[in-house]
């Protein structure tokens, strides 16, 4: 979004509170030193983040990317308290006990909408979502993981390559037992890759986005918390994501996806629900 050309206009009902000047990250809005009024400075710097439109108390600032119908007031008291939000974080778990029921479409839409409100580096806003619902396409995902792992296992076990790879790619051998187990279970008909999830959401960005992986992971966090509020089970499809990294562009080509897949969320309606959360240690220090 930051590559677009925008237009900003300030109308006469501006109260000159200069909040827009304060929140603009690239100093597009400035205060005239002579008349002390807010005005548009270097419009070419605008990345379309919407900070100015969101902070204006009188709707005097008109941004071409955010017309009036896209600006919505809210009350802070309607938002969850810090205790409520922390409880949501504590109770969220990666629940792989799927009942086999499909996830309602409206739930999937809310989950992806939550992802769209996550921050993106440079306000790129290029994160997109590919929803895999059909059984045949879900099978393609699992088979892609198994085939990719088999190929990597073959390379790692090659006696001519092993001495070199063990020295320069030791992390591959750390994960070799896990890959062998996934393949063995898959060949026996036990899919421990998707765990009978009814839906997988692939989180993608433009190929050229330098911060694509970070932007996708930020979106995932929002999505996982929204899924928790809706009673939808989800887990990070780690085996699938590792296979995507091991065979760059392979799944995108297989599914006809333009862009790069960075993260994958497996979802379903839970068979088992949790009634408790367990405490987790966390480390921090003030420096």
Protein backbone atom coordinates (compact mmCIF):
# COMPACT_ATOMS: atom_id res chain seq x y z
CA UNK A 1 0.00 0.00 0.00
CA UNK A 2 2.92 2.33 0.62
CA UNK A 3 3.66 2.59 -3.13
CA UNK A 4 0.29 4.21 -3.90
CA UNK A 5 -0.32 7.89 -4.47
CA UNK A 6 -2.62 9.51 -1.92
CA UNK A 7 -4.48 12.75 -1.47
CA UNK A 8 -4.95 14.49 1.88
CA UNK A 9 -7.19 17.48 2.48
CA UNK A 10 -7.83 19.39 5.71
CA UNK A 11 -11.24 21.08 5.98
CA UNK A 12 -12.22 24.23 7.86
CA UNK A 13 -13.53 22.40 10.92
CA UNK A 14 -9.95 21.54 11.94
CA UNK A 15 -9.43 22.59 15.58
CA UNK A 16 -5.65 22.64 15.17
CA UNK A 17 -5.09 20.08 17.93
CA UNK A 18 -2.04 18.81 15.93
CA UNK A 19 -2.72 15.18 16.93
CA UNK A 20 -2.31 14.21 13.28
CA UNK A 21 1.09 15.91 13.20
CA UNK A 22 2.15 14.02 16.31
CA UNK A 23 1.16 10.53 15.08
CA UNK A 24 2.31 10.79 11.45
CA UNK A 25 5.39 8.51 11.26
CA UNK A 26 6.85 10.22 8.17
CA UNK A 27 6.11 13.89 8.93
CA UNK A 28 3.68 14.26 6.04
CA UNK A 29 1.60 16.64 8.15
CA UNK A 30 3.24 19.73 9.61
CA UNK A 31 2.30 22.87 11.51
CA UNK A 32 2.82 26.08 9.60
CA UNK A 33 5.32 28.17 11.55
CA UNK A 34 3.62 31.41 10.48
CA UNK A 35 -0.11 30.83 11.06
CA UNK A 36 0.29 27.74 13.31
CA UNK A 37 -2.26 25.81 11.24
CA UNK A 38 -1.90 22.17 10.22
CA UNK A 39 -1.08 21.61 6.58
CA UNK A 40 0.10 18.90 4.23
CA UNK A 41 3.85 18.90 3.76
CA UNK A 42 5.60 16.16 1.75
CA UNK A 43 2.65 14.11 0.48
CA UNK A 44 5.00 11.79 -1.39
CA UNK A 45 6.17 10.37 1.93
CA UNK A 46 2.67 9.14 2.86
CA UNK A 47 2.48 5.34 3.27
CA UNK A 48 -1.27 5.25 3.81
CA UNK A 49 -1.13 4.00 7.40
CA UNK A 50 -4.33 5.87 8.38
CA UNK A 51 -2.94 7.19 11.67
CA UNK A 52 -4.00 10.74 10.86
CA UNK A 53 -7.55 9.79 9.85
CA UNK A 54 -8.00 7.64 12.96
CA UNK A 55 -6.79 10.28 15.43
CA UNK A 56 -8.67 13.34 14.11
CA UNK A 57 -11.45 14.18 16.63
CA UNK A 58 -13.53 16.32 14.25
CA UNK A 59 -13.12 14.32 11.01
CA UNK A 60 -11.50 17.39 9.47
CA UNK A 61 -8.74 15.38 7.85
CA UNK A 62 -9.80 13.68 4.62
CA UNK A 63 -7.51 10.92 3.32
CA UNK A 64 -8.18 9.38 -0.07
CA UNK A 65 -7.48 5.86 1.26
CA UNK A 66 -9.87 6.29 4.19
CA UNK A 67 -13.18 7.89 3.20
CA UNK A 68 -15.73 8.69 5.90
CA UNK A 69 -17.48 5.33 5.62
CA UNK A 70 -14.21 3.55 6.50
CA UNK A 71 -13.66 5.48 9.74
CA UNK A 72 -15.53 4.11 12.77
CA UNK A 73 -15.58 5.50 16.31
CA UNK A 74 -15.25 3.13 19.26
CA UNK A 75 -15.51 3.26 23.03
CA UNK A 76 -12.56 2.08 25.09
CA UNK A 77 -14.94 0.57 27.63
CA UNK A 78 -16.23 -1.78 24.92
CA UNK A 79 -12.77 -3.34 24.55
CA UNK A 80 -11.57 -6.31 26.63
CA UNK A 81 -9.77 -5.43 29.83
CA UNK A 82 -6.11 -6.37 30.25
CA UNK A 83 -7.18 -9.23 32.55
CA UNK A 84 -9.66 -10.54 29.98
CA UNK A 85 -7.10 -10.37 27.20
CA UNK A 86 -4.43 -12.10 29.29
CA UNK A 87 -6.90 -14.88 30.13
CA UNK A 88 -7.56 -15.35 26.40
CA UNK A 89 -3.81 -15.66 25.81
CA UNK A 90 -3.45 -18.11 28.68
CA UNK A 91 -6.33 -20.37 27.62
CA UNK A 92 -5.36 -20.49 23.94
CA UNK A 93 -3.86 -23.85 23.11
CA UNK A 94 -2.92 -25.73 19.96
CA UNK A 95 -5.86 -28.15 19.97
CA UNK A 96 -5.46 -31.01 17.49
CA UNK A 97 -8.55 -32.99 18.54
CA UNK A 98 -10.85 -32.23 15.61
CA UNK A 99 -14.42 -33.49 15.57
CA UNK A 100 -14.73 -33.74 11.79
CA UNK A 101 -17.29 -30.93 11.58
CA UNK A 102 -16.58 -28.16 9.06
CA UNK A 103 -15.65 -24.71 10.30
CA UNK A 104 -18.48 -22.25 9.46
CA UNK A 105 -17.61 -19.81 6.70
CA UNK A 106 -18.46 -16.80 8.85
CA UNK A 107 -15.94 -17.97 11.47
CA UNK A 108 -13.21 -18.29 8.84
CA UNK A 109 -13.99 -14.80 7.59
CA UNK A 110 -13.71 -13.33 11.10
CA UNK A 111 -10.42 -15.16 11.68
CA UNK A 112 -8.93 -13.73 8.49
CA UNK A 113 -10.34 -10.26 9.19
CA UNK A 114 -8.53 -10.32 12.55
CA UNK A 115 -5.33 -11.15 10.69
CA UNK A 116 -5.81 -8.18 8.40
CA UNK A 117 -5.59 -5.82 11.39
CA UNK A 118 -2.13 -7.01 12.41
CA UNK A 119 0.72 -4.54 11.80
CA UNK A 120 2.88 -4.90 8.70
CA UNK A 121 6.35 -3.50 8.13
CA UNK A 122 6.27 -0.30 6.06
CA UNK A 123 2.45 -0.61 6.14
CA UNK A 124 2.77 -3.07 3.24
CA UNK A 125 -0.67 -4.60 3.90
CA UNK A 126 0.05 -7.24 1.27
CA UNK A 127 -0.81 -10.26 3.43
CA UNK A 128 -3.39 -12.47 1.73
CA UNK A 129 -5.08 -15.71 2.67
CA UNK A 130 -5.74 -18.90 0.72
CA UNK A 131 -8.43 -21.11 2.24
CA UNK A 132 -8.09 -24.85 1.60
CA UNK A 133 -11.38 -26.61 2.37
CA UNK A 134 -11.74 -29.54 0.00
CA UNK A 135 -10.58 -32.99 1.06
CA UNK A 136 -8.67 -33.46 -2.20
CA UNK A 137 -6.64 -30.26 -1.73
CA UNK A 138 -5.97 -31.07 1.91
CA UNK A 139 -4.57 -34.40 0.74
CA UNK A 140 -2.32 -32.51 -1.68
CA UNK A 141 -0.87 -30.58 1.27
CA UNK A 142 -0.10 -33.72 3.27
CA UNK A 143 1.35 -35.51 0.25
CA UNK A 144 3.54 -32.48 -0.50
CA UNK A 145 5.02 -32.70 3.01
CA UNK A 146 5.61 -36.46 2.79
CA UNK A 147 7.19 -36.26 -0.68
CA UNK A 148 9.41 -33.31 0.32
CA UNK A 149 10.55 -35.07 3.48
CA UNK A 150 11.31 -38.28 1.56
CA UNK A 151 13.49 -36.31 -0.84
CA UNK A 152 15.39 -34.59 1.97
CA UNK A 153 15.81 -37.86 3.88
CA UNK A 154 17.30 -39.47 0.78
CA UNK A 155 19.85 -36.64 0.51
CA UNK A 156 20.71 -36.69 4.22
CA UNK A 157 21.29 -40.43 4.20
CA UNK A 158 23.50 -40.35 1.13
CA UNK A 159 26.89 -41.68 2.38
CA UNK A 160 28.82 -39.37 0.04
CA UNK A 161 27.00 -36.23 1.19
CA UNK A 162 26.54 -37.07 4.85
CA UNK A 163 30.01 -35.95 6.12
CA UNK A 164 29.66 -32.58 4.39
CA UNK A 165 26.02 -32.02 5.43
CA UNK A 166 26.60 -33.06 9.03
CA UNK A 167 29.23 -30.36 9.31
CA UNK A 168 27.44 -27.53 7.53
CA UNK A 169 23.76 -28.44 8.06
CA UNK A 170 23.67 -30.11 11.49
CA UNK A 171 20.16 -28.79 12.15
CA UNK A 172 18.84 -31.03 9.37
CA UNK A 173 20.07 -34.10 11.23
CA UNK A 174 18.55 -32.81 14.46
CA UNK A 175 15.17 -32.96 12.72
CA UNK A 176 15.78 -36.18 10.80
CA UNK A 177 14.02 -38.44 13.37
CA UNK A 178 10.94 -36.24 13.19
CA UNK A 179 10.90 -36.35 9.38
CA UNK A 180 11.33 -40.12 9.39
CA UNK A 181 8.41 -40.47 11.81
CA UNK A 182 6.13 -38.22 9.71
CA UNK A 183 6.88 -40.22 6.57
CA UNK A 184 6.44 -43.58 8.32
CA UNK A 185 3.06 -42.57 9.75
CA UNK A 186 1.93 -41.10 6.43
CA UNK A 187 2.81 -44.34 4.62
CA UNK A 188 0.72 -46.23 7.18
CA UNK A 189 -2.25 -43.94 6.53
CA UNK A 190 -1.87 -41.86 9.70
CA UNK A 191 -1.76 -38.18 8.81
CA UNK A 192 0.06 -36.48 11.68
CA UNK A 193 0.69 -33.52 9.39
CA UNK A 194 -2.80 -32.00 9.42
CA UNK A 195 -4.43 -34.21 12.08
CA UNK A 196 -7.73 -34.43 10.15
CA UNK A 197 -8.16 -30.65 10.07
CA UNK A 198 -11.13 -29.60 7.93
CA UNK A 199 -9.56 -26.34 6.79
CA UNK A 200 -6.08 -24.94 6.27
CA UNK A 201 -5.46 -21.23 5.82
CA UNK A 202 -2.24 -20.40 3.99
CA UNK A 203 -0.86 -16.94 4.80
CA UNK A 204 0.96 -15.40 1.85
CA UNK A 205 2.66 -12.17 0.81
CA UNK A 206 4.25 -10.75 -2.31
CA UNK A 207 7.46 -12.52 -3.32
CA UNK A 208 9.44 -9.28 -3.02
CA UNK A 209 8.26 -8.37 0.48
CA UNK A 210 11.44 -8.37 2.57
CA UNK A 211 9.38 -8.58 5.77
CA UNK A 212 6.85 -11.06 4.40
CA UNK A 213 7.55 -13.81 6.95
CA UNK A 214 7.30 -11.37 9.85
CA UNK A 215 4.08 -9.85 8.53
CA UNK A 216 2.53 -13.31 8.11
CA UNK A 217 3.50 -14.38 11.63
CA UNK A 218 1.99 -11.20 13.10
CA UNK A 219 -1.24 -11.92 11.23
CA UNK A 220 -1.21 -15.50 12.50
CA UNK A 221 -1.15 -14.38 16.12
CA UNK A 222 -4.26 -12.23 15.65
CA UNK A 223 -5.96 -15.09 13.82
CA UNK A 224 -5.19 -17.65 16.52
CA UNK A 225 -6.69 -15.44 19.22
CA UNK A 226 -9.81 -14.80 17.14
CA UNK A 227 -10.19 -18.55 16.57
CA UNK A 228 -10.05 -19.04 20.34
CA UNK A 229 -12.91 -16.57 20.91
CA UNK A 230 -15.01 -18.43 18.31
CA UNK A 231 -14.43 -21.87 19.80
CA UNK A 232 -12.49 -23.02 16.74
CA UNK A 233 -9.46 -25.26 17.28
CA UNK A 234 -6.28 -24.40 15.43
CA UNK A 235 -2.62 -25.24 15.36
CA UNK A 236 0.42 -23.97 13.49
CA UNK A 237 1.01 -26.49 10.69
CA UNK A 238 4.72 -26.74 11.38
CA UNK A 239 5.45 -29.81 9.23
CA UNK A 240 3.78 -28.13 6.26
CA UNK A 241 5.65 -24.86 6.83
CA UNK A 242 9.00 -26.64 7.08
CA UNK A 243 8.33 -28.50 3.81
CA UNK A 244 7.46 -25.20 2.15
CA UNK A 245 10.83 -23.80 3.24
CA UNK A 246 12.68 -26.94 2.15
CA UNK A 247 11.16 -26.89 -1.33
CA UNK A 248 10.98 -23.20 -2.15
CA UNK A 249 8.12 -22.33 -4.50
CA UNK A 250 7.02 -25.95 -4.74
CA UNK A 251 3.63 -25.69 -3.05
CA UNK A 252 2.90 -22.30 -4.62
CA UNK A 253 3.42 -23.85 -8.05
CA UNK A 254 1.39 -26.92 -7.14
CA UNK A 255 -1.60 -24.82 -6.03
CA UNK A 256 -1.21 -22.02 -8.57
CA UNK A 257 -0.56 -19.42 -5.89
CA UNK A 258 1.08 -16.14 -6.88
CA UNK A 259 3.28 -14.93 -4.06
CA UNK A 260 5.03 -16.72 -1.22
CA UNK A 261 3.50 -18.86 1.53
CA UNK A 262 4.95 -18.04 4.94
CA UNK A 263 2.60 -19.65 7.46
CA UNK A 264 -0.22 -22.17 7.63
CA UNK A 265 -3.04 -22.60 10.15
CA UNK A 266 -4.91 -25.90 10.45
CA UNK A 267 -8.44 -25.52 11.80
CA UNK A 268 -11.42 -27.58 12.88
CA UNK A 269 -14.22 -27.81 15.41
CA UNK A 270 -12.77 -29.29 18.63
CA UNK A 271 -13.65 -32.76 19.85
CA UNK A 272 -12.21 -31.98 23.29
CA UNK A 273 -12.31 -28.62 25.07
CA UNK A 274 -9.95 -27.38 27.78
CA UNK A 275 -11.31 -26.15 31.11
CA UNK A 276 -8.01 -25.12 32.67
CA UNK A 277 -4.85 -23.29 31.73
CA UNK A 278 -1.42 -24.15 33.07
CA UNK A 279 1.11 -21.58 34.17
CA UNK A 280 4.11 -21.03 31.94
CA UNK A 281 7.42 -19.58 33.05
CA UNK A 282 8.61 -16.48 31.29
CA UNK A 283 11.91 -14.73 31.50
CA UNK A 284 12.47 -11.00 31.39
CA UNK A 285 14.80 -8.34 32.62
CA UNK A 286 14.77 -4.58 32.66
CA UNK A 287 17.90 -3.18 31.06
